[in-house]
Amino acid sequence: MLFKSLEFKLLNGHKVKITDIPVLEEDNQYRFLVQSRLQSFLRKITAKPQPNAVYSFKEYLKRTVKWTDYEAIYQPVTLKHNA
């Protein structure tokens, strides 16, 4: 699975980095869920007066979505016959 990170600077000058954002295929059923949760996470961070420097999106999803959805999003790809 591929992950991306997002780094940006707030209006007050603080740098914020969000790590562990999953890259999902266009036809994945969890793509909309991840996008909407990322938007709400960004709003939550920008509303804080003193945000942390680094956030983990993976940990945020672990706290906010159902466990079955979390496992489906971050499931490891298993290879058949060690190939």
Protein backbone atom coordinates (compact mmCIF):
# COMPACT_ATOMS: atom_id res chain seq x y z
CA MET A 1 0.00 0.00 0.00
CA LEU A 2 1.16 3.48 -0.82
CA PHE A 3 0.97 6.35 1.63
CA LYS A 4 1.31 10.04 1.09
CA SER A 5 1.95 12.91 3.44
CA LEU A 6 0.70 16.46 3.39
CA GLU A 7 2.71 19.41 4.65
CA PHE A 8 1.38 22.95 4.83
CA LYS A 9 1.81 26.21 6.67
CA LEU A 10 -1.02 27.85 8.61
CA LEU A 11 -1.80 31.57 8.50
CA ASN A 12 -0.07 32.05 11.86
CA GLY A 13 3.17 30.55 10.46
CA HIS A 14 3.07 27.10 12.05
CA LYS A 15 4.14 24.20 9.83
CA VAL A 16 1.92 21.12 10.04
CA LYS A 17 2.58 17.70 8.55
CA ILE A 18 -0.01 14.92 8.20
CA THR A 19 1.44 11.47 7.56
CA ASP A 20 0.06 8.01 6.71
CA ILE A 21 -2.61 9.10 4.23
CA PRO A 22 -3.54 6.04 2.15
CA VAL A 23 -3.54 6.25 -1.64
CA LEU A 24 -6.59 4.36 -2.87
CA GLU A 25 -7.64 3.39 -6.39
CA GLU A 26 -10.37 5.34 -8.20
CA ASP A 27 -12.88 2.50 -7.87
CA ASN A 28 -12.20 1.73 -4.21
CA GLN A 29 -15.35 1.92 -2.09
CA TYR A 30 -13.49 3.64 0.78
CA ARG A 31 -12.09 6.48 -1.30
CA PHE A 32 -14.93 8.88 -0.47
CA LEU A 33 -14.73 7.98 3.24
CA VAL A 34 -11.01 8.74 3.34
CA GLN A 35 -11.41 12.03 1.45
CA SER A 36 -14.23 13.26 3.66
CA ARG A 37 -12.41 12.27 6.87
CA LEU A 38 -9.26 13.99 5.64
CA GLN A 39 -11.20 17.21 4.99
CA SER A 40 -12.77 17.13 8.44
CA PHE A 41 -9.35 16.36 9.99
CA LEU A 42 -7.84 19.37 8.20
CA ARG A 43 -10.66 21.62 9.43
CA LYS A 44 -10.11 20.36 12.97
CA ILE A 45 -6.37 21.06 12.80
CA THR A 46 -6.70 24.53 11.30
CA ALA A 47 -9.23 25.51 13.98
CA LYS A 48 -6.70 24.87 16.76
CA PRO A 49 -4.79 27.93 17.98
CA GLN A 50 -1.57 25.94 18.64
CA PRO A 51 -1.54 22.76 16.50
CA ASN A 52 1.11 20.05 16.79
CA ALA A 53 3.85 19.84 14.17
CA VAL A 54 3.05 16.27 13.03
CA TYR A 55 -0.21 14.33 12.92
CA SER A 56 -0.90 10.74 11.87
CA PHE A 57 -3.99 10.32 9.72
CA LYS A 58 -3.85 6.59 10.37
CA GLU A 59 -4.26 7.15 14.11
CA TYR A 60 -7.09 9.61 13.49
CA LEU A 61 -8.97 7.06 11.37
CA LYS A 62 -8.39 4.40 14.01
CA ARG A 63 -10.29 6.58 16.51
CA THR A 64 -13.08 7.80 14.21
CA VAL A 65 -14.20 4.99 11.89
CA LYS A 66 -15.48 1.49 12.53
CA TRP A 67 -12.78 -1.09 13.06
CA THR A 68 -13.89 -3.16 10.05
CA ASP A 69 -13.62 -0.10 7.80
CA TYR A 70 -10.21 0.75 9.25
CA GLU A 71 -8.93 -2.77 8.57
CA ALA A 72 -10.30 -2.69 5.03
CA ILE A 73 -8.53 0.59 4.30
CA TYR A 74 -5.16 -0.33 5.82
CA GLN A 75 -5.16 -4.04 5.07
CA PRO A 76 -1.75 -5.36 4.05
CA VAL A 77 -1.51 -6.88 0.60
CA THR A 78 -0.75 -10.57 0.99
CA LEU A 79 1.15 -12.29 -1.73
CA LYS A 80 0.18 -15.77 -2.82
CA HIS A 81 2.85 -18.44 -2.72
CA ASN A 82 5.52 -15.93 -1.61
CA ALA A 83 5.54 -14.32 -5.05
